[in-house]
Amino acid sequence: MPRPKQALLSRQLIVETAATLIDRDGLAVFSTRRLAAELGVRGPSLYNHFKTKDEILDAVADTITAKVDVSFFATHDWREALLLWGKSYRDALTAHPNIVPFLAQGPGRRPAALAVADAVYGGLVKAGWPPARATHIGALMRYYVAGSALGSFARGFVEDPQLYAAHYPHLSQAHRLAGKSESVDEGAFQLGLEALIAGLSGIYETVVVKNLQ
């Protein structure tokens, strides 16, 4: 039987399929066995491209991180850059919430994640932030964005008006939140991000601007 002209597997196909499985079924049940079955191959075939399951997860996480736009730090004031980057960062994570716990562990050796960290840190230091503070801001943004992407505040309330009317009078409209989850969650994120940047601006005036005078 002649050998196929194209390889059945590629790194890209493995990563795309793994991402689909994680999006669909969750991170907890993801395994190389399930991935191989989805691809219609034997498990050992995967190891021609990736040595371990964690290498596959790293590749999935980095593919998602590569969608985050950090170009703003080269063209915008640091405040506007943080705002635009934060939105892009959240958009990438909320599209794949099941991988967020793994992705949030840190950049490790992931090229795209390290490129993001480099751009953010470099942009903040260039704007005048002390290196230690630039590191803190990068960490703070990761905590905030990753946390916001892990779940929906609005969808945490059930659509049962009797539940709230009977026992929680101040939550008489809470049953409507689930139906407005997108506007509620995005509005909360935007408000928090603006408040965070406003607070940092005050610190910047004290830490950076006064030292330059």
N, C-alpha and C. Protein backbone atom coordinates (compact mmCIF):
# COMPACT_ATOMS: atom_id res chain seq x y z
N MET A 1 0.86 -1.18 0.00
CA MET A 1 0.00 0.00 0.00
C MET A 1 0.89 1.23 0.00
N PRO A 2 0.72 2.17 -0.93
CA PRO A 2 1.60 3.33 -0.99
C PRO A 2 1.44 4.22 0.24
N ARG A 3 2.53 4.87 0.63
CA ARG A 3 2.50 5.77 1.78
C ARG A 3 1.79 7.05 1.38
N PRO A 4 1.06 7.68 2.29
CA PRO A 4 0.33 8.91 1.95
C PRO A 4 1.30 10.02 1.58
N LYS A 5 0.87 10.88 0.67
CA LYS A 5 1.73 11.98 0.22
C LYS A 5 1.90 13.02 1.33
N GLN A 6 0.90 13.16 2.20
CA GLN A 6 0.96 14.11 3.29
C GLN A 6 0.94 13.38 4.62
N ALA A 7 1.67 13.91 5.58
CA ALA A 7 1.65 13.31 6.92
C ALA A 7 0.25 13.45 7.51
N LEU A 8 -0.18 12.41 8.23
CA LEU A 8 -1.49 12.45 8.84
C LEU A 8 -1.56 13.47 9.96
N LEU A 9 -0.44 13.67 10.63
CA LEU A 9 -0.40 14.58 11.76
C LEU A 9 0.57 15.72 11.50
N SER A 10 0.29 16.83 12.13
CA SER A 10 1.22 17.96 12.16
C SER A 10 1.06 18.63 13.52
N ARG A 11 2.04 19.40 13.90
CA ARG A 11 1.94 20.12 15.17
C ARG A 11 0.70 21.01 15.19
N GLN A 12 0.45 21.70 14.08
CA GLN A 12 -0.69 22.60 14.02
C GLN A 12 -2.01 21.86 14.20
N LEU A 13 -2.16 20.72 13.54
CA LEU A 13 -3.39 19.95 13.67
C LEU A 13 -3.57 19.45 15.10
N ILE A 14 -2.50 19.00 15.71
CA ILE A 14 -2.57 18.52 17.09
C ILE A 14 -3.00 19.65 18.02
N VAL A 15 -2.40 20.81 17.85
CA VAL A 15 -2.71 21.95 18.72
C VAL A 15 -4.16 22.41 18.51
N GLU A 16 -4.59 22.50 17.27
CA GLU A 16 -5.95 22.94 16.99
C GLU A 16 -6.98 21.96 17.55
N THR A 17 -6.71 20.68 17.42
CA THR A 17 -7.62 19.67 17.93
C THR A 17 -7.63 19.67 19.45
N ALA A 18 -6.46 19.83 20.05
CA ALA A 18 -6.38 19.89 21.51
C ALA A 18 -7.17 21.08 22.03
N ALA A 19 -7.04 22.23 21.37
CA ALA A 19 -7.78 23.42 21.79
C ALA A 19 -9.28 23.19 21.70
N THR A 20 -9.72 22.53 20.65
CA THR A 20 -11.15 22.24 20.48
C THR A 20 -11.65 21.32 21.59
N LEU A 21 -10.86 20.30 21.93
CA LEU A 21 -11.25 19.38 23.00
C LEU A 21 -11.34 20.10 24.34
N ILE A 22 -10.36 20.94 24.63
CA ILE A 22 -10.35 21.66 25.91
C ILE A 22 -11.52 22.64 25.98
N ASP A 23 -11.79 23.33 24.88
CA ASP A 23 -12.94 24.24 24.84
C ASP A 23 -14.24 23.48 25.08
N ARG A 24 -14.34 22.30 24.52
CA ARG A 24 -15.58 21.54 24.57
C ARG A 24 -15.78 20.79 25.88
N ASP A 25 -14.72 20.12 26.34
CA ASP A 25 -14.86 19.20 27.47
C ASP A 25 -14.21 19.68 28.76
N GLY A 26 -13.33 20.66 28.68
CA GLY A 26 -12.65 21.15 29.88
C GLY A 26 -11.24 20.62 30.01
N LEU A 27 -10.47 21.30 30.81
CA LEU A 27 -9.06 20.96 30.99
C LEU A 27 -8.88 19.71 31.85
N ALA A 28 -9.77 19.51 32.81
CA ALA A 28 -9.61 18.42 33.77
C ALA A 28 -9.63 17.05 33.11
N VAL A 29 -10.40 16.89 32.04
CA VAL A 29 -10.53 15.57 31.41
C VAL A 29 -9.67 15.45 30.15
N PHE A 30 -8.90 16.48 29.85
CA PHE A 30 -8.06 16.41 28.66
C PHE A 30 -6.92 15.42 28.89
N SER A 31 -6.67 14.58 27.89
CA SER A 31 -5.57 13.62 27.97
C SER A 31 -5.06 13.34 26.57
N THR A 32 -3.84 12.82 26.48
CA THR A 32 -3.30 12.46 25.17
C THR A 32 -4.08 11.31 24.56
N ARG A 33 -4.65 10.45 25.40
CA ARG A 33 -5.46 9.35 24.89
C ARG A 33 -6.70 9.88 24.18
N ARG A 34 -7.39 10.82 24.82
CA ARG A 34 -8.57 11.42 24.21
C ARG A 34 -8.20 12.18 22.94
N LEU A 35 -7.08 12.87 22.98
CA LEU A 35 -6.63 13.64 21.82
C LEU A 35 -6.33 12.72 20.65
N ALA A 36 -5.62 11.62 20.92
CA ALA A 36 -5.29 10.67 19.86
C ALA A 36 -6.57 10.08 19.26
N ALA A 37 -7.54 9.74 20.11
CA ALA A 37 -8.80 9.19 19.62
C ALA A 37 -9.53 10.18 18.74
N GLU A 38 -9.51 11.45 19.13
CA GLU A 38 -10.17 12.49 18.34
C GLU A 38 -9.51 12.64 16.97
N LEU A 39 -8.20 12.46 16.95
CA LEU A 39 -7.45 12.58 15.70
C LEU A 39 -7.48 11.30 14.88
N GLY A 40 -7.94 10.21 15.48
CA GLY A 40 -8.00 8.94 14.78
C GLY A 40 -6.65 8.28 14.60
N VAL A 41 -5.77 8.49 15.58
CA VAL A 41 -4.44 7.90 15.52
C VAL A 41 -4.14 7.19 16.84
N ARG A 42 -3.03 6.48 16.88
CA ARG A 42 -2.57 5.86 18.12
C ARG A 42 -1.82 6.89 18.95
N GLY A 43 -1.90 6.76 20.26
CA GLY A 43 -1.27 7.70 21.17
C GLY A 43 0.19 7.99 20.89
N PRO A 44 1.02 6.96 20.65
CA PRO A 44 2.44 7.21 20.43
C PRO A 44 2.73 8.12 19.23
N SER A 45 1.79 8.22 18.30
CA SER A 45 2.00 9.10 17.14
C SER A 45 2.17 10.55 17.56
N LEU A 46 1.51 10.93 18.65
CA LEU A 46 1.60 12.31 19.12
C LEU A 46 3.03 12.66 19.54
N TYR A 47 3.74 11.64 20.05
CA TYR A 47 5.06 11.91 20.61
C TYR A 47 6.13 12.10 19.54
N ASN A 48 5.74 11.95 18.28
CA ASN A 48 6.65 12.34 17.21
C ASN A 48 6.70 13.86 17.08
N HIS A 49 5.73 14.54 17.69
CA HIS A 49 5.63 16.00 17.59
C HIS A 49 5.78 16.69 18.94
N PHE A 50 5.30 16.04 19.99
CA PHE A 50 5.37 16.60 21.34
C PHE A 50 5.82 15.50 22.30
N LYS A 51 6.70 15.85 23.22
CA LYS A 51 7.23 14.86 24.14
C LYS A 51 6.26 14.52 25.26
N THR A 52 5.49 15.50 25.70
CA THR A 52 4.61 15.29 26.85
C THR A 52 3.27 16.00 26.63
N LYS A 53 2.33 15.66 27.48
CA LYS A 53 1.03 16.34 27.48
C LYS A 53 1.20 17.82 27.78
N ASP A 54 2.09 18.16 28.72
CA ASP A 54 2.29 19.57 29.07
C ASP A 54 2.85 20.36 27.90
N GLU A 55 3.65 19.74 27.05
CA GLU A 55 4.14 20.43 25.86
C GLU A 55 2.98 20.78 24.92
N ILE A 56 2.02 19.90 24.83
CA ILE A 56 0.84 20.18 24.01
C ILE A 56 0.05 21.34 24.62
N LEU A 57 -0.14 21.31 25.94
CA LEU A 57 -0.86 22.38 26.61
C LEU A 57 -0.12 23.70 26.47
N ASP A 58 1.20 23.65 26.56
CA ASP A 58 1.99 24.87 26.36
C ASP A 58 1.75 25.45 24.97
N ALA A 59 1.70 24.57 23.97
CA ALA A 59 1.49 25.03 22.59
C ALA A 59 0.10 25.61 22.41
N VAL A 60 -0.90 24.98 23.03
CA VAL A 60 -2.27 25.52 22.97
C VAL A 60 -2.32 26.89 23.62
N ALA A 61 -1.76 26.99 24.83
CA ALA A 61 -1.76 28.25 25.56
C ALA A 61 -1.03 29.34 24.78
N ASP A 62 0.07 28.99 24.16
CA ASP A 62 0.85 30.00 23.44
C ASP A 62 0.16 30.44 22.16
N THR A 63 -0.58 29.53 21.53
CA THR A 63 -1.35 29.91 20.35
C THR A 63 -2.40 30.95 20.70
N ILE A 64 -3.01 30.80 21.87
CA ILE A 64 -4.01 31.77 22.32
C ILE A 64 -3.34 33.09 22.69
N THR A 65 -2.21 33.01 23.40
CA THR A 65 -1.49 34.22 23.78
C THR A 65 -1.02 35.00 22.57
N ALA A 66 -0.70 34.31 21.49
CA ALA A 66 -0.21 34.97 20.28
C ALA A 66 -1.26 35.90 19.68
N LYS A 67 -2.53 35.73 20.07
CA LYS A 67 -3.60 36.58 19.56
C LYS A 67 -3.69 37.91 20.32
N VAL A 68 -2.95 38.03 21.41
CA VAL A 68 -3.00 39.25 22.23
C VAL A 68 -2.13 40.33 21.57
N ASP A 69 -2.72 41.49 21.39
CA ASP A 69 -2.03 42.60 20.72
C ASP A 69 -1.27 43.45 21.73
N VAL A 70 0.05 43.50 21.60
CA VAL A 70 0.87 44.33 22.48
C VAL A 70 1.54 45.47 21.72
N SER A 71 1.12 45.68 20.49
CA SER A 71 1.75 46.72 19.66
C SER A 71 1.54 48.12 20.23
N PHE A 72 0.50 48.27 21.08
CA PHE A 72 0.18 49.57 21.63
C PHE A 72 1.31 50.18 22.44
N PHE A 73 2.14 49.33 23.04
CA PHE A 73 3.22 49.84 23.90
C PHE A 73 4.31 50.56 23.09
N ALA A 74 4.33 50.35 21.79
CA ALA A 74 5.30 51.03 20.94
C ALA A 74 4.74 52.31 20.35
N THR A 75 3.42 52.51 20.46
CA THR A 75 2.80 53.64 19.75
C THR A 75 1.94 54.54 20.62
N HIS A 76 1.59 54.09 21.84
CA HIS A 76 0.65 54.84 22.67
C HIS A 76 1.27 55.18 24.03
N ASP A 77 0.67 56.17 24.69
CA ASP A 77 0.99 56.45 26.08
C ASP A 77 0.73 55.19 26.89
N TRP A 78 1.50 54.98 27.95
CA TRP A 78 1.42 53.73 28.70
C TRP A 78 0.02 53.46 29.24
N ARG A 79 -0.73 54.54 29.59
CA ARG A 79 -2.09 54.34 30.12
C ARG A 79 -3.00 53.77 29.05
N GLU A 80 -2.98 54.37 27.87
CA GLU A 80 -3.80 53.89 26.77
C GLU A 80 -3.35 52.50 26.33
N ALA A 81 -2.04 52.27 26.36
CA ALA A 81 -1.52 50.95 25.99
C ALA A 81 -2.03 49.88 26.94
N LEU A 82 -2.03 50.16 28.23
CA LEU A 82 -2.54 49.19 29.21
C LEU A 82 -4.02 48.91 28.97
N LEU A 83 -4.78 49.96 28.68
CA LEU A 83 -6.21 49.80 28.45
C LEU A 83 -6.48 48.93 27.23
N LEU A 84 -5.82 49.22 26.13
CA LEU A 84 -6.05 48.48 24.89
C LEU A 84 -5.50 47.05 24.98
N TRP A 85 -4.34 46.92 25.60
CA TRP A 85 -3.77 45.58 25.80
C TRP A 85 -4.68 44.74 26.69
N GLY A 86 -5.18 45.34 27.77
CA GLY A 86 -6.05 44.62 28.68
C GLY A 86 -7.29 44.08 27.98
N LYS A 87 -7.86 44.88 27.09
CA LYS A 87 -9.05 44.43 26.34
C LYS A 87 -8.68 43.28 25.40
N SER A 88 -7.57 43.43 24.69
CA SER A 88 -7.15 42.38 23.75
C SER A 88 -6.83 41.09 24.51
N TYR A 89 -6.19 41.23 25.64
CA TYR A 89 -5.82 40.09 26.49
C TYR A 89 -7.08 39.35 26.94
N ARG A 90 -8.06 40.10 27.42
CA ARG A 90 -9.30 39.48 27.90
C ARG A 90 -10.06 38.81 26.75
N ASP A 91 -10.10 39.46 25.60
CA ASP A 91 -10.79 38.88 24.45
C ASP A 91 -10.20 37.50 24.10
N ALA A 92 -8.88 37.42 24.13
CA ALA A 92 -8.22 36.15 23.80
C ALA A 92 -8.55 35.08 24.82
N LEU A 93 -8.57 35.44 26.09
CA LEU A 93 -8.81 34.45 27.15
C LEU A 93 -10.27 34.05 27.25
N THR A 94 -11.19 35.00 27.11
CA THR A 94 -12.60 34.65 27.25
C THR A 94 -13.08 33.77 26.09
N ALA A 95 -12.35 33.77 24.98
CA ALA A 95 -12.71 32.89 23.87
C ALA A 95 -12.35 31.43 24.19
N HIS A 96 -11.45 31.24 25.17
CA HIS A 96 -11.00 29.89 25.55
C HIS A 96 -10.85 29.79 27.07
N PRO A 97 -11.93 29.96 27.82
CA PRO A 97 -11.81 30.04 29.29
C PRO A 97 -11.28 28.78 29.95
N ASN A 98 -11.48 27.62 29.33
CA ASN A 98 -11.06 26.37 29.98
C ASN A 98 -9.55 26.22 30.09
N ILE A 99 -8.80 26.90 29.22
CA ILE A 99 -7.33 26.79 29.26
C ILE A 99 -6.73 27.84 30.19
N VAL A 100 -7.54 28.78 30.67
CA VAL A 100 -7.01 29.90 31.46
C VAL A 100 -6.25 29.45 32.70
N PRO A 101 -6.74 28.47 33.48
CA PRO A 101 -5.96 28.07 34.66
C PRO A 101 -4.55 27.61 34.32
N PHE A 102 -4.38 26.93 33.21
CA PHE A 102 -3.04 26.50 32.80
C PHE A 102 -2.25 27.69 32.28
N LEU A 103 -2.87 28.49 31.45
CA LEU A 103 -2.19 29.65 30.86
C LEU A 103 -1.74 30.64 31.93
N ALA A 104 -2.55 30.79 32.97
CA ALA A 104 -2.27 31.79 34.00
C ALA A 104 -1.10 31.41 34.91
N GLN A 105 -0.58 30.21 34.77
CA GLN A 105 0.55 29.80 35.61
C GLN A 105 1.81 30.61 35.31
N GLY A 106 1.88 31.20 34.14
CA GLY A 106 3.05 32.00 33.79
C GLY A 106 3.55 31.67 32.40
N PRO A 107 4.46 32.47 31.89
CA PRO A 107 4.93 32.26 30.51
C PRO A 107 5.80 31.04 30.31
N GLY A 108 6.50 30.60 31.38
CA GLY A 108 7.40 29.46 31.21
C GLY A 108 8.37 29.70 30.07
N ARG A 109 8.39 28.77 29.12
CA ARG A 109 9.25 28.89 27.94
C ARG A 109 8.45 29.21 26.67
N ARG A 110 7.20 29.61 26.83
CA ARG A 110 6.35 29.85 25.67
C ARG A 110 6.77 31.12 24.94
N PRO A 111 7.11 31.03 23.67
CA PRO A 111 7.62 32.21 22.93
C PRO A 111 6.64 33.38 22.89
N ALA A 112 5.38 33.12 22.57
CA ALA A 112 4.41 34.22 22.47
C ALA A 112 4.19 34.88 23.82
N ALA A 113 4.11 34.07 24.87
CA ALA A 113 3.90 34.61 26.22
C ALA A 113 5.10 35.44 26.66
N LEU A 114 6.29 34.98 26.35
CA LEU A 114 7.49 35.75 26.70
C LEU A 114 7.57 37.04 25.89
N ALA A 115 7.11 37.00 24.64
CA ALA A 115 7.11 38.21 23.81
C ALA A 115 6.14 39.24 24.38
N VAL A 116 4.99 38.78 24.87
CA VAL A 116 4.03 39.69 25.50
C VAL A 116 4.64 40.32 26.75
N ALA A 117 5.22 39.50 27.60
CA ALA A 117 5.84 40.01 28.83
C ALA A 117 6.94 41.01 28.51
N ASP A 118 7.73 40.72 27.50
CA ASP A 118 8.82 41.60 27.10
C ASP A 118 8.29 42.95 26.62
N ALA A 119 7.24 42.92 25.82
CA ALA A 119 6.68 44.16 25.27
C ALA A 119 6.06 45.02 26.36
N VAL A 120 5.33 44.39 27.27
CA VAL A 120 4.68 45.13 28.35
C VAL A 120 5.71 45.72 29.30
N TYR A 121 6.63 44.89 29.74
CA TYR A 121 7.66 45.36 30.67
C TYR A 121 8.52 46.45 30.01
N GLY A 122 8.92 46.21 28.78
CA GLY A 122 9.76 47.19 28.09
C GLY A 122 9.04 48.51 27.89
N GLY A 123 7.74 48.44 27.54
CA GLY A 123 6.97 49.66 27.34
C GLY A 123 6.82 50.46 28.62
N LEU A 124 6.60 49.78 29.73
CA LEU A 124 6.43 50.47 31.02
C LEU A 124 7.74 51.09 31.50
N VAL A 125 8.83 50.36 31.35
CA VAL A 125 10.13 50.91 31.76
C VAL A 125 10.49 52.11 30.89
N LYS A 126 10.22 52.02 29.60
CA LYS A 126 10.50 53.13 28.70
C LYS A 126 9.67 54.36 29.07
N ALA A 127 8.47 54.14 29.61
CA ALA A 127 7.61 55.25 30.03
C ALA A 127 8.08 55.88 31.33
N GLY A 128 9.05 55.27 31.99
CA GLY A 128 9.60 55.84 33.20
C GLY A 128 9.33 55.07 34.47
N TRP A 129 8.55 54.00 34.38
CA TRP A 129 8.30 53.21 35.58
C TRP A 129 9.57 52.50 36.04
N PRO A 130 9.84 52.49 37.34
CA PRO A 130 10.98 51.72 37.85
C PRO A 130 10.78 50.23 37.51
N PRO A 131 11.85 49.51 37.23
CA PRO A 131 11.72 48.10 36.86
C PRO A 131 10.86 47.27 37.80
N ALA A 132 11.02 47.47 39.10
CA ALA A 132 10.23 46.68 40.05
C ALA A 132 8.74 46.97 39.90
N ARG A 133 8.40 48.25 39.74
CA ARG A 133 7.00 48.62 39.57
C ARG A 133 6.44 48.11 38.24
N ALA A 134 7.25 48.13 37.20
CA ALA A 134 6.81 47.61 35.91
C ALA A 134 6.49 46.12 36.03
N THR A 135 7.29 45.42 36.80
CA THR A 135 7.03 43.99 37.04
C THR A 135 5.72 43.81 37.79
N HIS A 136 5.50 44.65 38.81
CA HIS A 136 4.27 44.56 39.59
C HIS A 136 3.04 44.82 38.72
N ILE A 137 3.14 45.80 37.83
CA ILE A 137 2.00 46.14 36.98
C ILE A 137 1.69 44.99 36.02
N GLY A 138 2.71 44.39 35.45
CA GLY A 138 2.49 43.24 34.57
C GLY A 138 1.80 42.11 35.30
N ALA A 139 2.25 41.84 36.54
CA ALA A 139 1.63 40.78 37.34
C ALA A 139 0.19 41.15 37.70
N LEU A 140 -0.01 42.39 38.10
CA LEU A 140 -1.35 42.86 38.47
C LEU A 140 -2.33 42.69 37.30
N MET A 141 -1.90 43.06 36.12
CA MET A 141 -2.77 42.94 34.95
C MET A 141 -3.10 41.47 34.66
N ARG A 142 -2.12 40.62 34.82
CA ARG A 142 -2.38 39.20 34.58
C ARG A 142 -3.40 38.65 35.57
N TYR A 143 -3.25 39.02 36.86
CA TYR A 143 -4.21 38.57 37.86
C TYR A 143 -5.61 39.06 37.50
N TYR A 144 -5.71 40.32 37.14
CA TYR A 144 -7.02 40.91 36.88
C TYR A 144 -7.68 40.31 35.64
N VAL A 145 -6.93 40.25 34.55
CA VAL A 145 -7.51 39.76 33.30
C VAL A 145 -7.83 38.27 33.39
N ALA A 146 -6.91 37.48 33.90
CA ALA A 146 -7.15 36.04 34.01
C ALA A 146 -8.34 35.76 34.92
N GLY A 147 -8.45 36.49 36.02
CA GLY A 147 -9.58 36.31 36.92
C GLY A 147 -10.90 36.62 36.25
N SER A 148 -10.91 37.67 35.44
CA SER A 148 -12.15 38.07 34.78
C SER A 148 -12.56 37.07 33.70
N ALA A 149 -11.60 36.34 33.19
CA ALA A 149 -11.88 35.39 32.10
C ALA A 149 -12.30 34.02 32.61
N LEU A 150 -12.16 33.76 33.89
CA LEU A 150 -12.43 32.43 34.42
C LEU A 150 -13.92 32.11 34.52
N GLY A 151 -14.74 33.13 34.61
CA GLY A 151 -16.16 32.87 34.73
C GLY A 151 -16.97 34.14 34.62
N SER A 152 -18.26 33.99 34.58
CA SER A 152 -19.18 35.12 34.44
C SER A 152 -19.85 35.42 35.76
N PHE A 153 -19.75 36.65 36.22
CA PHE A 153 -20.47 37.08 37.42
C PHE A 153 -21.97 37.00 37.18
N ALA A 154 -22.41 37.54 36.04
CA ALA A 154 -23.84 37.64 35.76
C ALA A 154 -24.50 36.27 35.64
N ARG A 155 -23.83 35.33 34.99
CA ARG A 155 -24.42 34.01 34.79
C ARG A 155 -24.41 33.17 36.06
N GLY A 156 -23.85 33.71 37.12
CA GLY A 156 -23.86 33.00 38.40
C GLY A 156 -25.18 33.12 39.14
N PHE A 157 -26.10 33.97 38.63
CA PHE A 157 -27.40 34.13 39.25
C PHE A 157 -28.46 33.37 38.45
N VAL A 158 -29.29 32.60 39.13
CA VAL A 158 -30.30 31.80 38.43
C VAL A 158 -31.49 32.68 38.05
N GLU A 159 -32.18 32.28 37.01
CA GLU A 159 -33.34 33.04 36.52
C GLU A 159 -34.61 32.60 37.24
N ASP A 160 -34.63 32.85 38.54
CA ASP A 160 -35.76 32.45 39.38
C ASP A 160 -36.12 33.62 40.29
N PRO A 161 -37.03 34.49 39.86
CA PRO A 161 -37.36 35.68 40.65
C PRO A 161 -37.90 35.35 42.04
N GLN A 162 -38.55 34.20 42.20
CA GLN A 162 -39.10 33.84 43.50
C GLN A 162 -38.02 33.59 44.54
N LEU A 163 -36.89 33.06 44.07
CA LEU A 163 -35.79 32.79 44.99
C LEU A 163 -35.34 34.07 45.69
N TYR A 164 -35.17 35.12 44.91
CA TYR A 164 -34.67 36.38 45.46
C TYR A 164 -35.76 37.14 46.20
N ALA A 165 -36.98 37.11 45.68
CA ALA A 165 -38.08 37.85 46.30
C ALA A 165 -38.36 37.33 47.71
N ALA A 166 -38.22 36.04 47.89
CA ALA A 166 -38.56 35.44 49.18
C ALA A 166 -37.55 35.73 50.27
N HIS A 167 -36.28 35.80 49.90
CA HIS A 167 -35.25 35.88 50.94
C HIS A 167 -34.24 37.02 50.79
N TYR A 168 -34.13 37.59 49.59
CA TYR A 168 -33.07 38.57 49.33
C TYR A 168 -33.66 39.81 48.66
N PRO A 169 -34.31 40.67 49.45
CA PRO A 169 -35.04 41.80 48.88
C PRO A 169 -34.19 42.76 48.07
N HIS A 170 -32.92 42.86 48.38
CA HIS A 170 -32.06 43.78 47.63
C HIS A 170 -31.63 43.20 46.29
N LEU A 171 -31.96 41.94 46.05
CA LEU A 171 -31.60 41.29 44.79
C LEU A 171 -32.85 41.01 43.94
N SER A 172 -33.82 41.89 44.03
CA SER A 172 -35.09 41.64 43.35
C SER A 172 -34.96 41.58 41.83
N GLN A 173 -33.89 42.14 41.28
CA GLN A 173 -33.68 42.12 39.83
C GLN A 173 -32.55 41.18 39.42
N ALA A 174 -32.03 40.42 40.37
CA ALA A 174 -30.88 39.56 40.08
C ALA A 174 -31.20 38.49 39.05
N HIS A 175 -32.45 38.07 38.96
CA HIS A 175 -32.81 37.03 38.00
C HIS A 175 -32.65 37.50 36.55
N ARG A 176 -32.50 38.80 36.35
CA ARG A 176 -32.33 39.34 35.00
C ARG A 176 -30.87 39.36 34.56
N LEU A 177 -29.96 39.18 35.49
CA LEU A 177 -28.54 39.33 35.19
C LEU A 177 -28.04 38.33 34.16
N ALA A 178 -28.46 37.08 34.27
CA ALA A 178 -27.97 36.04 33.36
C ALA A 178 -28.26 36.39 31.91
N GLY A 179 -29.41 37.02 31.67
CA GLY A 179 -29.78 37.39 30.32
C GLY A 179 -29.02 38.60 29.80
N LYS A 180 -28.31 39.26 30.69
CA LYS A 180 -27.53 40.44 30.30
C LYS A 180 -26.05 40.23 30.61
N SER A 181 -25.63 38.97 30.58
CA SER A 181 -24.28 38.64 31.05
C SER A 181 -23.19 39.37 30.27
N GLU A 182 -23.36 39.48 28.96
CA GLU A 182 -22.30 40.11 28.17
C GLU A 182 -22.09 41.56 28.57
N SER A 183 -23.19 42.33 28.67
CA SER A 183 -23.05 43.75 29.01
C SER A 183 -22.60 43.93 30.47
N VAL A 184 -23.09 43.08 31.36
CA VAL A 184 -22.71 43.19 32.77
C VAL A 184 -21.24 42.86 32.96
N ASP A 185 -20.81 41.73 32.41
CA ASP A 185 -19.43 41.30 32.61
C ASP A 185 -18.44 42.22 31.91
N GLU A 186 -18.75 42.63 30.69
CA GLU A 186 -17.84 43.53 29.98
C GLU A 186 -17.83 44.91 30.63
N GLY A 187 -19.00 45.37 31.11
CA GLY A 187 -19.05 46.67 31.79
C GLY A 187 -18.24 46.66 33.07
N ALA A 188 -18.34 45.56 33.82
CA ALA A 188 -17.58 45.44 35.06
C ALA A 188 -16.08 45.41 34.78
N PHE A 189 -15.70 44.66 33.75
CA PHE A 189 -14.28 44.60 33.40
C PHE A 189 -13.76 45.97 32.99
N GLN A 190 -14.51 46.68 32.15
CA GLN A 190 -14.10 48.00 31.69
C GLN A 190 -13.97 48.98 32.86
N LEU A 191 -14.94 48.96 33.75
CA LEU A 191 -14.90 49.85 34.92
C LEU A 191 -13.69 49.54 35.79
N GLY A 192 -13.46 48.27 36.04
CA GLY A 192 -12.32 47.89 36.87
C GLY A 192 -11.00 48.26 36.23
N LEU A 193 -10.90 48.06 34.92
CA LEU A 193 -9.66 48.37 34.21
C LEU A 193 -9.40 49.88 34.24
N GLU A 194 -10.43 50.67 34.03
CA GLU A 194 -10.27 52.13 34.07
C GLU A 194 -9.88 52.59 35.48
N ALA A 195 -10.50 51.99 36.50
CA ALA A 195 -10.17 52.34 37.88
C ALA A 195 -8.73 51.95 38.21
N LEU A 196 -8.32 50.79 37.73
CA LEU A 196 -6.96 50.31 37.97
C LEU A 196 -5.95 51.28 37.35
N ILE A 197 -6.20 51.68 36.11
CA ILE A 197 -5.27 52.57 35.41
C ILE A 197 -5.28 53.97 36.04
N ALA A 198 -6.46 54.42 36.50
CA ALA A 198 -6.53 55.72 37.19
C ALA A 198 -5.69 55.70 38.46
N GLY A 199 -5.77 54.59 39.19
CA GLY A 199 -4.96 54.46 40.40
C GLY A 199 -3.47 54.43 40.08
N LEU A 200 -3.10 53.72 39.03
CA LEU A 200 -1.70 53.68 38.63
C LEU A 200 -1.21 55.05 38.17
N SER A 201 -2.10 55.82 37.55
CA SER A 201 -1.72 57.15 37.10
C SER A 201 -1.34 58.03 38.29
N GLY A 202 -2.09 57.89 39.38
CA GLY A 202 -1.77 58.65 40.58
C GLY A 202 -0.41 58.25 41.15
N ILE A 203 -0.12 56.98 41.16
CA ILE A 203 1.18 56.49 41.62
C ILE A 203 2.29 56.99 40.69
N TYR A 204 2.01 56.98 39.41
CA TYR A 204 3.00 57.43 38.41
C TYR A 204 3.39 58.88 38.67
N GLU A 205 2.39 59.72 38.94
CA GLU A 205 2.67 61.14 39.21
C GLU A 205 3.58 61.29 40.42
N THR A 206 3.41 60.42 41.40
CA THR A 206 4.21 60.50 42.62
C THR A 206 5.59 59.88 42.45
N VAL A 207 5.62 58.70 41.84
CA VAL A 207 6.86 57.92 41.76
C VAL A 207 7.76 58.39 40.63
N VAL A 208 7.17 58.72 39.49
CA VAL A 208 7.97 59.00 38.31
C VAL A 208 8.09 60.50 38.02
N VAL A 209 6.95 61.16 37.86
CA VAL A 209 6.96 62.57 37.43
C VAL A 209 7.70 63.46 38.43
N LYS A 210 7.42 63.30 39.72
CA LYS A 210 8.07 64.16 40.72
C LYS A 210 9.58 63.92 40.76
N ASN A 211 9.99 62.71 40.50
CA ASN A 211 11.43 62.42 40.50
C ASN A 211 12.14 63.04 39.31
N LEU A 212 11.38 63.33 38.25
CA LEU A 212 11.98 63.94 37.07
C LEU A 212 12.05 65.46 37.17
N GLN A 213 11.34 66.00 38.15
CA GLN A 213 11.31 67.48 38.28
C GLN A 213 12.53 67.99 39.04
